[in-house]
Every structure is written in structure tokens, then in C-alpha cells.
């Protein structure tokens, strides 16, 4: 069942989202070659707690860390490690969640570490644009397929693969709620969007094909062909005035 949020509840999610945005800003400011992915995890965990919130990912389905850090061909759910050093020229995706006052926010960004190849830089730009185009369709009386189609068209028109095995989701009192939000689909199909719905829209786009596989750790998802992947995500509320991004 899709749960509609009140204006007051959306404001609570916005408060969580603002902490999350500051967390990702902090990571971007500190991200540099030689850091370990666990150092990023500790940085995020400490900041979120200082702000009076809780890292949403820690312990979720037994996930062992507070954020996900996925590098290069890793699409999502990379587990921070003290032995994993970040290197110049890599593409690093950070996915994080915050729980505050009973409500969740979820967001992700992909960062370039130093100088990255032009093809990787374009991938990041297109994936970010795909997210914005998807958000623009998250309006009352539109269909979920309109959001999905906007993401897919933006990515595929640039020649990239849109991940199909992983999707966005509703969010609120739970980190993952109905409906699922695929990054591919047909316009004018799917769930009717209503005021009060809150969606985590999160394009995952690969430089190569759309196929993925999961590594033996049971968490880290990588591209099947070893190509670079990018991931951007915002928590978005559907309001009378249009889509409102809560994680900025």
C-alpha cells in the first residue's frame, strides 16, 4: 500500500534530507586520493549523529556500515573497508540515508576523484540530468511510467545502459516503501501519482550494458561487463505545486 504523507510529515522528511545533503557535501569536501572508504564511512556516521539523527543504513538488513561507497564498476552497495584506498581518477558513488524523528531520507551522489576520463565525466553529467528529468515528471496526475521513461530516455539517448535489476522506491516511515520506481518504462503507464507521495528516484547508469551481478559479499553490485557506473538519487515529495526535492 502506498502511504500518502501530510505536509507536516513531509517537513520532517525535509529536515532529515537537509542533514543528508550536508553529509554528502562533507564527503565531497573531504574526498581525496589515499583516503580509505571506511574513513568516509566514519566521517558520515559522526556527522549524522552530531546532527541528532541516525544513519539509516547501519544494521538495515544486517548491512554493516553507515553508508555505501561504490567505486568505478561498482553500481551500488559497496561496503566501506579500512583496506580500500581511493585513487586519483576513480569514480566514487556514495549512497546514504538518515532517520530523524521517525522519518527517512535517502540520497546518493557520484564524485570524480581528481581527473577522470572524459567518457566518465560525461556519464556523470548525463546520469545527473536523468535524475533531474525524472524529478520533473513527478507531478500530481502523472504516471510513474512518466518518471521512469524520462530517466531511461535521457540515459539511453546518450548510449548508456540503464540498470534494470535495481530500482528506486517510496520512502517515509520506512526506508523502502511502495511503490517501486524503475529507471525504465513507458509513459502514461503505472501508478497514478498523487499529492503526498514521496519517492526516492535514483538512476543507476552504466557506461556499457545494463546487466549487473552481485559480488560474493552478498551486497556489492557491479556491472557485468566491468564498465563504469554512476548513481544519483534524491528524495522527492509530490505536492500541489509540483515536485519538491527534500534532500538539498
C-alpha atoms as a PDB file:
ATOM      1  CA  UNK A   1       0.000   0.000   0.000  1.00  0.00           C
ATOM      2  CA  UNK A   2       1.232   3.489  -0.875  1.00  0.00           C
ATOM      3  CA  UNK A   3       1.174   5.812   2.123  1.00  0.00           C
ATOM      4  CA  UNK A   4       0.473   9.486   1.485  1.00  0.00           C
ATOM      5  CA  UNK A   5       2.307  11.949   3.724  1.00  0.00           C
ATOM      6  CA  UNK A   6       0.869  15.064   5.297  1.00  0.00           C
ATOM      7  CA  UNK A   7       2.534  18.424   4.904  1.00  0.00           C
ATOM      8  CA  UNK A   8       3.895  18.118   8.444  1.00  0.00           C
ATOM      9  CA  UNK A   9       5.357  14.696   7.710  1.00  0.00           C
ATOM     10  CA  UNK A  10       6.979  15.959   4.535  1.00  0.00           C
ATOM     11  CA  UNK A  11       8.602  18.748   6.547  1.00  0.00           C
ATOM     12  CA  UNK A  12      10.034  16.132   8.901  1.00  0.00           C
ATOM     13  CA  UNK A  13      11.464  14.317   5.897  1.00  0.00           C
ATOM     14  CA  UNK A  14      12.877  17.593   4.616  1.00  0.00           C
ATOM     15  CA  UNK A  15      14.699  18.065   7.947  1.00  0.00           C
ATOM     16  CA  UNK A  16      16.207  14.578   7.582  1.00  0.00           C
ATOM     17  CA  UNK A  17      17.027  15.349   3.951  1.00  0.00           C
ATOM     18  CA  UNK A  18      18.864  18.538   4.822  1.00  0.00           C
ATOM     19  CA  UNK A  19      21.120  16.648   7.229  1.00  0.00           C
ATOM     20  CA  UNK A  20      21.738  14.111   4.491  1.00  0.00           C
ATOM     21  CA  UNK A  21      22.596  16.815   1.956  1.00  0.00           C
ATOM     22  CA  UNK A  22      25.109  18.298   4.390  1.00  0.00           C
ATOM     23  CA  UNK A  23      26.578  14.826   4.925  1.00  0.00           C
ATOM     24  CA  UNK A  24      27.178  14.356   1.207  1.00  0.00           C
ATOM     25  CA  UNK A  25      28.582  17.892   0.962  1.00  0.00           C
ATOM     26  CA  UNK A  26      31.039  16.996   3.743  1.00  0.00           C
ATOM     27  CA  UNK A  27      32.079  13.844   1.928  1.00  0.00           C
ATOM     28  CA  UNK A  28      32.623  15.770  -1.301  1.00  0.00           C
ATOM     29  CA  UNK A  29      34.749  18.339   0.516  1.00  0.00           C
ATOM     30  CA  UNK A  30      36.952  15.683   2.119  1.00  0.00           C
ATOM     31  CA  UNK A  31      37.139  13.063  -0.616  1.00  0.00           C
ATOM     32  CA  UNK A  32      40.703  12.709  -1.860  1.00  0.00           C
ATOM     33  CA  UNK A  33      43.163  10.072  -3.077  1.00  0.00           C
ATOM     34  CA  UNK A  34      44.660   7.994  -0.287  1.00  0.00           C
ATOM     35  CA  UNK A  35      41.569   8.015   1.915  1.00  0.00           C
ATOM     36  CA  UNK A  36      40.013   4.693   2.747  1.00  0.00           C
ATOM     37  CA  UNK A  37      36.352   4.052   2.176  1.00  0.00           C
ATOM     38  CA  UNK A  38      35.996   3.336   5.889  1.00  0.00           C
ATOM     39  CA  UNK A  39      37.285   6.842   6.667  1.00  0.00           C
ATOM     40  CA  UNK A  40      34.409   8.211   4.587  1.00  0.00           C
ATOM     41  CA  UNK A  41      32.007   5.982   6.496  1.00  0.00           C
ATOM     42  CA  UNK A  42      33.248   7.224   9.853  1.00  0.00           C
ATOM     43  CA  UNK A  43      33.101  10.839   8.676  1.00  0.00           C
ATOM     44  CA  UNK A  44      29.466  10.449   7.613  1.00  0.00           C
ATOM     45  CA  UNK A  45      28.437   8.468  10.682  1.00  0.00           C
ATOM     46  CA  UNK A  46      29.925  11.018  13.047  1.00  0.00           C
ATOM     47  CA  UNK A  47      28.341  13.988  11.314  1.00  0.00           C
ATOM     48  CA  UNK A  48      24.874  12.434  11.131  1.00  0.00           C
ATOM     49  CA  UNK A  49      24.948  11.615  14.839  1.00  0.00           C
ATOM     50  CA  UNK A  50      26.237  15.095  15.720  1.00  0.00           C
ATOM     51  CA  UNK A  51      23.179  16.491  13.944  1.00  0.00           C
ATOM     52  CA  UNK A  52      20.926  14.432  16.196  1.00  0.00           C
ATOM     53  CA  UNK A  53      19.943  11.887  13.554  1.00  0.00           C
ATOM     54  CA  UNK A  54      20.646   8.198  12.959  1.00  0.00           C
ATOM     55  CA  UNK A  55      22.476   6.632   9.995  1.00  0.00           C
ATOM     56  CA  UNK A  56      19.654   4.750   8.276  1.00  0.00           C
ATOM     57  CA  UNK A  57      21.755   2.085   6.588  1.00  0.00           C
ATOM     58  CA  UNK A  58      23.650   0.760   9.612  1.00  0.00           C
ATOM     59  CA  UNK A  59      22.131  -2.600  10.504  1.00  0.00           C
ATOM     60  CA  UNK A  60      19.447  -2.387   7.805  1.00  0.00           C
ATOM     61  CA  UNK A  61      19.017  -5.998   6.659  1.00  0.00           C
ATOM     62  CA  UNK A  62      22.280  -6.561   8.569  1.00  0.00           C
ATOM     63  CA  UNK A  63      24.241  -4.091   6.433  1.00  0.00           C
ATOM     64  CA  UNK A  64      27.457  -3.497   8.422  1.00  0.00           C
ATOM     65  CA  UNK A  65      28.233   0.175   7.715  1.00  0.00           C
ATOM     66  CA  UNK A  66      26.558   3.599   7.740  1.00  0.00           C
ATOM     67  CA  UNK A  67      26.975   4.475   4.050  1.00  0.00           C
ATOM     68  CA  UNK A  68      27.601   2.664   0.785  1.00  0.00           C
ATOM     69  CA  UNK A  69      30.749   3.557  -1.172  1.00  0.00           C
ATOM     70  CA  UNK A  70      30.875   2.118  -4.677  1.00  0.00           C
ATOM     71  CA  UNK A  71      33.888   2.648  -6.941  1.00  0.00           C
ATOM     72  CA  UNK A  72      34.173   2.552 -10.736  1.00  0.00           C
ATOM     73  CA  UNK A  73      32.333  -0.605 -11.922  1.00  0.00           C
ATOM     74  CA  UNK A  74      30.511  -0.956  -8.595  1.00  0.00           C
ATOM     75  CA  UNK A  75      26.934   0.187  -9.119  1.00  0.00           C
ATOM     76  CA  UNK A  76      25.635   0.221  -5.566  1.00  0.00           C
ATOM     77  CA  UNK A  77      26.026  -1.189  -2.028  1.00  0.00           C
ATOM     78  CA  UNK A  78      29.828  -1.125  -1.848  1.00  0.00           C
ATOM     79  CA  UNK A  79      30.836  -1.856   1.766  1.00  0.00           C
ATOM     80  CA  UNK A  80      33.366   0.596   3.272  1.00  0.00           C
ATOM     81  CA  UNK A  81      36.645  -1.053   4.258  1.00  0.00           C
ATOM     82  CA  UNK A  82      39.832   0.073   6.054  1.00  0.00           C
ATOM     83  CA  UNK A  83      41.862  -1.623   3.326  1.00  0.00           C
ATOM     84  CA  UNK A  84      40.148   0.027   0.341  1.00  0.00           C
ATOM     85  CA  UNK A  85      42.011   3.182  -0.683  1.00  0.00           C
ATOM     86  CA  UNK A  86      40.538   5.725  -3.057  1.00  0.00           C
ATOM     87  CA  UNK A  87      42.760   6.571  -6.008  1.00  0.00           C
ATOM     88  CA  UNK A  88      43.081   9.511  -8.347  1.00  0.00           C
ATOM     89  CA  UNK A  89      40.983   9.081 -11.494  1.00  0.00           C
ATOM     90  CA  UNK A  90      38.315   6.937  -9.886  1.00  0.00           C
ATOM     91  CA  UNK A  91      34.564   7.462  -9.901  1.00  0.00           C
ATOM     92  CA  UNK A  92      33.122   7.120  -6.383  1.00  0.00           C
ATOM     93  CA  UNK A  93      29.397   6.792  -5.654  1.00  0.00           C
ATOM     94  CA  UNK A  94      28.200   7.453  -2.115  1.00  0.00           C
ATOM     95  CA  UNK A  95      24.701   6.404  -1.068  1.00  0.00           C
ATOM     96  CA  UNK A  96      23.431   7.343   2.397  1.00  0.00           C
ATOM     97  CA  UNK A  97      20.275   7.553   4.445  1.00  0.00           C
ATOM     98  CA  UNK A  98      19.159   9.440   7.539  1.00  0.00           C
ATOM     99  CA  UNK A  99      16.468   8.672  10.102  1.00  0.00           C
ATOM    100  CA  UNK A 100      15.156  11.660  12.051  1.00  0.00           C
ATOM    101  CA  UNK A 101      12.034  11.947  14.184  1.00  0.00           C
ATOM    102  CA  UNK A 102      10.588   8.747  12.751  1.00  0.00           C
ATOM    103  CA  UNK A 103      11.084   9.575   9.064  1.00  0.00           C
ATOM    104  CA  UNK A 104      13.707   8.644   6.484  1.00  0.00           C
ATOM    105  CA  UNK A 105      15.565  10.436   3.706  1.00  0.00           C
ATOM    106  CA  UNK A 106      17.734   8.738   1.071  1.00  0.00           C
ATOM    107  CA  UNK A 107      20.196  10.274  -1.384  1.00  0.00           C
ATOM    108  CA  UNK A 108      23.237   9.442  -3.487  1.00  0.00           C
ATOM    109  CA  UNK A 109      25.863  11.264  -5.485  1.00  0.00           C
ATOM    110  CA  UNK A 110      28.725  10.159  -7.701  1.00  0.00           C
ATOM    111  CA  UNK A 111      32.011  12.039  -7.420  1.00  0.00           C
ATOM    112  CA  UNK A 112      35.044  12.352  -9.664  1.00  0.00           C
ATOM    113  CA  UNK A 113      38.328  11.904  -7.804  1.00  0.00           C
ATOM    114  CA  UNK A 114      40.872  14.188  -9.455  1.00  0.00           C
ATOM    115  CA  UNK A 115      40.992  13.971 -13.234  1.00  0.00           C
ATOM    116  CA  UNK A 116      38.767  11.284 -14.720  1.00  0.00           C
ATOM    117  CA  UNK A 117      38.410  10.270 -18.395  1.00  0.00           C
ATOM    118  CA  UNK A 118      36.078  12.432 -20.472  1.00  0.00           C
ATOM    119  CA  UNK A 119      33.771   9.479 -21.109  1.00  0.00           C
ATOM    120  CA  UNK A 120      33.339   9.001 -17.348  1.00  0.00           C
ATOM    121  CA  UNK A 121      32.744  12.689 -16.810  1.00  0.00           C
ATOM    122  CA  UNK A 122      30.025  12.683 -19.460  1.00  0.00           C
ATOM    123  CA  UNK A 123      28.438   9.633 -17.789  1.00  0.00           C
ATOM    124  CA  UNK A 124      28.168  11.549 -14.519  1.00  0.00           C
ATOM    125  CA  UNK A 125      26.652  14.569 -16.257  1.00  0.00           C
ATOM    126  CA  UNK A 126      24.081  12.503 -18.128  1.00  0.00           C
ATOM    127  CA  UNK A 127      23.098  10.498 -15.024  1.00  0.00           C
ATOM    128  CA  UNK A 128      22.623  13.695 -13.040  1.00  0.00           C
ATOM    129  CA  UNK A 129      20.485  15.077 -15.871  1.00  0.00           C
ATOM    130  CA  UNK A 130      18.479  11.839 -15.976  1.00  0.00           C
ATOM    131  CA  UNK A 131      17.642  12.323 -12.301  1.00  0.00           C
ATOM    132  CA  UNK A 132      16.534  15.909 -12.866  1.00  0.00           C
ATOM    133  CA  UNK A 133      14.404  14.889 -15.841  1.00  0.00           C
ATOM    134  CA  UNK A 134      12.807  12.120 -13.804  1.00  0.00           C
ATOM    135  CA  UNK A 135      12.072  14.524 -10.961  1.00  0.00           C
ATOM    136  CA  UNK A 136      10.417  16.957 -13.384  1.00  0.00           C
ATOM    137  CA  UNK A 137       7.804  14.285 -14.183  1.00  0.00           C
ATOM    138  CA  UNK A 138       6.957  13.578 -10.528  1.00  0.00           C
ATOM    139  CA  UNK A 139       3.763  15.606 -10.576  1.00  0.00           C
ATOM    140  CA  UNK A 140       0.201  15.081  -9.460  1.00  0.00           C
ATOM    141  CA  UNK A 141      -1.866  13.174 -12.028  1.00  0.00           C
ATOM    142  CA  UNK A 142       1.196  11.994 -13.935  1.00  0.00           C
ATOM    143  CA  UNK A 143       2.018   8.290 -14.000  1.00  0.00           C
ATOM    144  CA  UNK A 144       5.002   6.530 -12.505  1.00  0.00           C
ATOM    145  CA  UNK A 145       5.939   5.427 -16.009  1.00  0.00           C
ATOM    146  CA  UNK A 146       6.447   9.081 -16.947  1.00  0.00           C
ATOM    147  CA  UNK A 147       9.214   9.346 -14.342  1.00  0.00           C
ATOM    148  CA  UNK A 148      10.791   6.056 -15.413  1.00  0.00           C
ATOM    149  CA  UNK A 149      10.597   6.900 -19.124  1.00  0.00           C
ATOM    150  CA  UNK A 150      12.262  10.298 -18.625  1.00  0.00           C
ATOM    151  CA  UNK A 151      15.206   8.666 -16.856  1.00  0.00           C
ATOM    152  CA  UNK A 152      15.555   5.912 -19.438  1.00  0.00           C
ATOM    153  CA  UNK A 153      15.344   8.204 -22.454  1.00  0.00           C
ATOM    154  CA  UNK A 154      17.943  10.583 -21.079  1.00  0.00           C
ATOM    155  CA  UNK A 155      20.439   7.811 -20.415  1.00  0.00           C
ATOM    156  CA  UNK A 156      19.833   5.643 -23.454  1.00  0.00           C
ATOM    157  CA  UNK A 157      19.849   8.561 -25.889  1.00  0.00           C
ATOM    158  CA  UNK A 158      23.451   9.111 -24.774  1.00  0.00           C
ATOM    159  CA  UNK A 159      24.257   5.474 -25.478  1.00  0.00           C
ATOM    160  CA  UNK A 160      24.349   4.233 -21.885  1.00  0.00           C
ATOM    161  CA  UNK A 161      22.841   1.207 -20.169  1.00  0.00           C
ATOM    162  CA  UNK A 162      20.122   1.767 -17.552  1.00  0.00           C
ATOM    163  CA  UNK A 163      20.259  -0.746 -14.699  1.00  0.00           C
ATOM    164  CA  UNK A 164      17.022  -2.754 -14.535  1.00  0.00           C
ATOM    165  CA  UNK A 165      17.653  -5.107 -11.613  1.00  0.00           C
ATOM    166  CA  UNK A 166      17.691  -2.246  -9.077  1.00  0.00           C
ATOM    167  CA  UNK A 167      15.016   0.413  -8.657  1.00  0.00           C
ATOM    168  CA  UNK A 168      14.017   3.464  -6.665  1.00  0.00           C
ATOM    169  CA  UNK A 169      11.241   3.305  -4.113  1.00  0.00           C
ATOM    170  CA  UNK A 170       8.712   5.017  -1.950  1.00  0.00           C
ATOM    171  CA  UNK A 171      10.037   6.305   1.371  1.00  0.00           C
ATOM    172  CA  UNK A 172       8.646   7.674   4.631  1.00  0.00           C
ATOM    173  CA  UNK A 173       8.318   5.919   7.989  1.00  0.00           C
ATOM    174  CA  UNK A 174      10.200   3.066   6.344  1.00  0.00           C
ATOM    175  CA  UNK A 175      13.344   3.327   4.256  1.00  0.00           C
ATOM    176  CA  UNK A 176      11.761   1.286   1.471  1.00  0.00           C
ATOM    177  CA  UNK A 177       8.041   1.620   0.812  1.00  0.00           C
ATOM    178  CA  UNK A 178       5.725   1.131  -2.138  1.00  0.00           C
ATOM    179  CA  UNK A 179       5.827   1.875  -4.986  1.00  0.00           C
ATOM    180  CA  UNK A 180       8.939   0.630  -6.710  1.00  0.00           C
ATOM    181  CA  UNK A 181      10.370   3.270  -9.056  1.00  0.00           C
ATOM    182  CA  UNK A 182      12.103   1.652 -12.069  1.00  0.00           C
ATOM    183  CA  UNK A 183      14.533   3.660 -14.165  1.00  0.00           C
ATOM    184  CA  UNK A 184      12.927   2.381 -17.362  1.00  0.00           C
ATOM    185  CA  UNK A 185       9.330   2.261 -18.525  1.00  0.00           C
ATOM    186  CA  UNK A 186       6.624   3.609 -20.780  1.00  0.00           C
ATOM    187  CA  UNK A 187       4.904   6.997 -20.471  1.00  0.00           C
ATOM    188  CA  UNK A 188       1.303   7.169 -19.264  1.00  0.00           C
ATOM    189  CA  UNK A 189       1.584   3.773 -17.542  1.00  0.00           C
ATOM    190  CA  UNK A 190       1.885   2.632 -13.963  1.00  0.00           C
ATOM    191  CA  UNK A 191       0.731   4.089 -10.659  1.00  0.00           C
ATOM    192  CA  UNK A 192      -1.111   7.413 -10.713  1.00  0.00           C
ATOM    193  CA  UNK A 193       0.946   9.977  -8.811  1.00  0.00           C
ATOM    194  CA  UNK A 194      -0.844  11.817  -6.014  1.00  0.00           C
ATOM    195  CA  UNK A 195      -0.080  14.694  -3.681  1.00  0.00           C
ATOM    196  CA  UNK A 196       1.577  13.315  -0.564  1.00  0.00           C
ATOM    197  CA  UNK A 197       3.550  10.576  -2.272  1.00  0.00           C
ATOM    198  CA  UNK A 198       7.294  10.668  -1.576  1.00  0.00           C
ATOM    199  CA  UNK A 199       9.677   8.848  -3.899  1.00  0.00           C
ATOM    200  CA  UNK A 200      13.368   8.047  -3.840  1.00  0.00           C
ATOM    201  CA  UNK A 201      14.259   8.465  -7.508  1.00  0.00           C
ATOM    202  CA  UNK A 202      17.691   7.022  -8.253  1.00  0.00           C
ATOM    203  CA  UNK A 203      19.081   6.484 -11.745  1.00  0.00           C
ATOM    204  CA  UNK A 204      21.893   3.920 -11.933  1.00  0.00           C
ATOM    205  CA  UNK A 205      23.505   4.227 -15.342  1.00  0.00           C
ATOM    206  CA  UNK A 206      26.382   2.261 -16.868  1.00  0.00           C
ATOM    207  CA  UNK A 207      28.909   3.283 -19.479  1.00  0.00           C
ATOM    208  CA  UNK A 208      28.313  -0.130 -21.073  1.00  0.00           C
ATOM    209  CA  UNK A 209      25.434  -2.583 -20.875  1.00  0.00           C
ATOM    210  CA  UNK A 210      22.637  -2.576 -18.299  1.00  0.00           C
ATOM    211  CA  UNK A 211      23.388  -6.031 -16.900  1.00  0.00           C
ATOM    212  CA  UNK A 212      24.750  -6.360 -13.343  1.00  0.00           C
ATOM    213  CA  UNK A 213      25.870  -9.080 -10.938  1.00  0.00           C
ATOM    214  CA  UNK A 214      26.367  -9.297  -7.180  1.00  0.00           C
ATOM    215  CA  UNK A 215      29.808  -9.996  -5.705  1.00  0.00           C
ATOM    216  CA  UNK A 216      30.381 -12.829  -3.212  1.00  0.00           C
ATOM    217  CA  UNK A 217      29.996 -10.432  -0.248  1.00  0.00           C
ATOM    218  CA  UNK A 218      26.262 -10.524  -0.979  1.00  0.00           C
ATOM    219  CA  UNK A 219      25.987  -6.736  -1.150  1.00  0.00           C
ATOM    220  CA  UNK A 220      28.205  -5.121  -3.774  1.00  0.00           C
ATOM    221  CA  UNK A 221      26.538  -4.946  -7.194  1.00  0.00           C
ATOM    222  CA  UNK A 222      28.867  -4.460 -10.170  1.00  0.00           C
ATOM    223  CA  UNK A 223      28.393  -4.053 -13.914  1.00  0.00           C
ATOM    224  CA  UNK A 224      28.524  -7.398 -15.691  1.00  0.00           C
ATOM    225  CA  UNK A 225      30.862  -6.039 -18.365  1.00  0.00           C
ATOM    226  CA  UNK A 226      33.170  -4.144 -15.995  1.00  0.00           C
ATOM    227  CA  UNK A 227      32.119  -0.711 -17.274  1.00  0.00           C
ATOM    228  CA  UNK A 228      31.981   2.396 -15.094  1.00  0.00           C
ATOM    229  CA  UNK A 229      28.672   3.146 -13.362  1.00  0.00           C
ATOM    230  CA  UNK A 230      27.132   6.323 -11.909  1.00  0.00           C
ATOM    231  CA  UNK A 231      24.358   6.747  -9.325  1.00  0.00           C
ATOM    232  CA  UNK A 232      22.437   9.867  -8.308  1.00  0.00           C
ATOM    233  CA  UNK A 233      19.404   9.924  -6.011  1.00  0.00           C
ATOM    234  CA  UNK A 234      17.046  12.385  -4.365  1.00  0.00           C
ATOM    235  CA  UNK A 235      14.060  12.012  -2.079  1.00  0.00           C
ATOM    236  CA  UNK A 236      11.200  13.844  -3.804  1.00  0.00           C
ATOM    237  CA  UNK A 237       7.760  14.841  -2.499  1.00  0.00           C
ATOM    238  CA  UNK A 238       4.790  15.304  -4.840  1.00  0.00           C
ATOM    239  CA  UNK A 239       2.992  18.471  -3.780  1.00  0.00           C
ATOM    240  CA  UNK A 240       0.217  20.715  -5.083  1.00  0.00           C
ATOM    241  CA  UNK A 241       2.900  22.985  -6.516  1.00  0.00           C
ATOM    242  CA  UNK A 242       4.890  20.227  -8.186  1.00  0.00           C
ATOM    243  CA  UNK A 243       7.860  18.048  -7.210  1.00  0.00           C
ATOM    244  CA  UNK A 244       9.871  19.179  -4.175  1.00  0.00           C
ATOM    245  CA  UNK A 245      13.356  17.764  -3.608  1.00  0.00           C
ATOM    246  CA  UNK A 246      13.793  17.112   0.122  1.00  0.00           C
ATOM    247  CA  UNK A 247      17.488  16.156   0.029  1.00  0.00           C
ATOM    248  CA  UNK A 248      19.051  19.513  -0.787  1.00  0.00           C
END
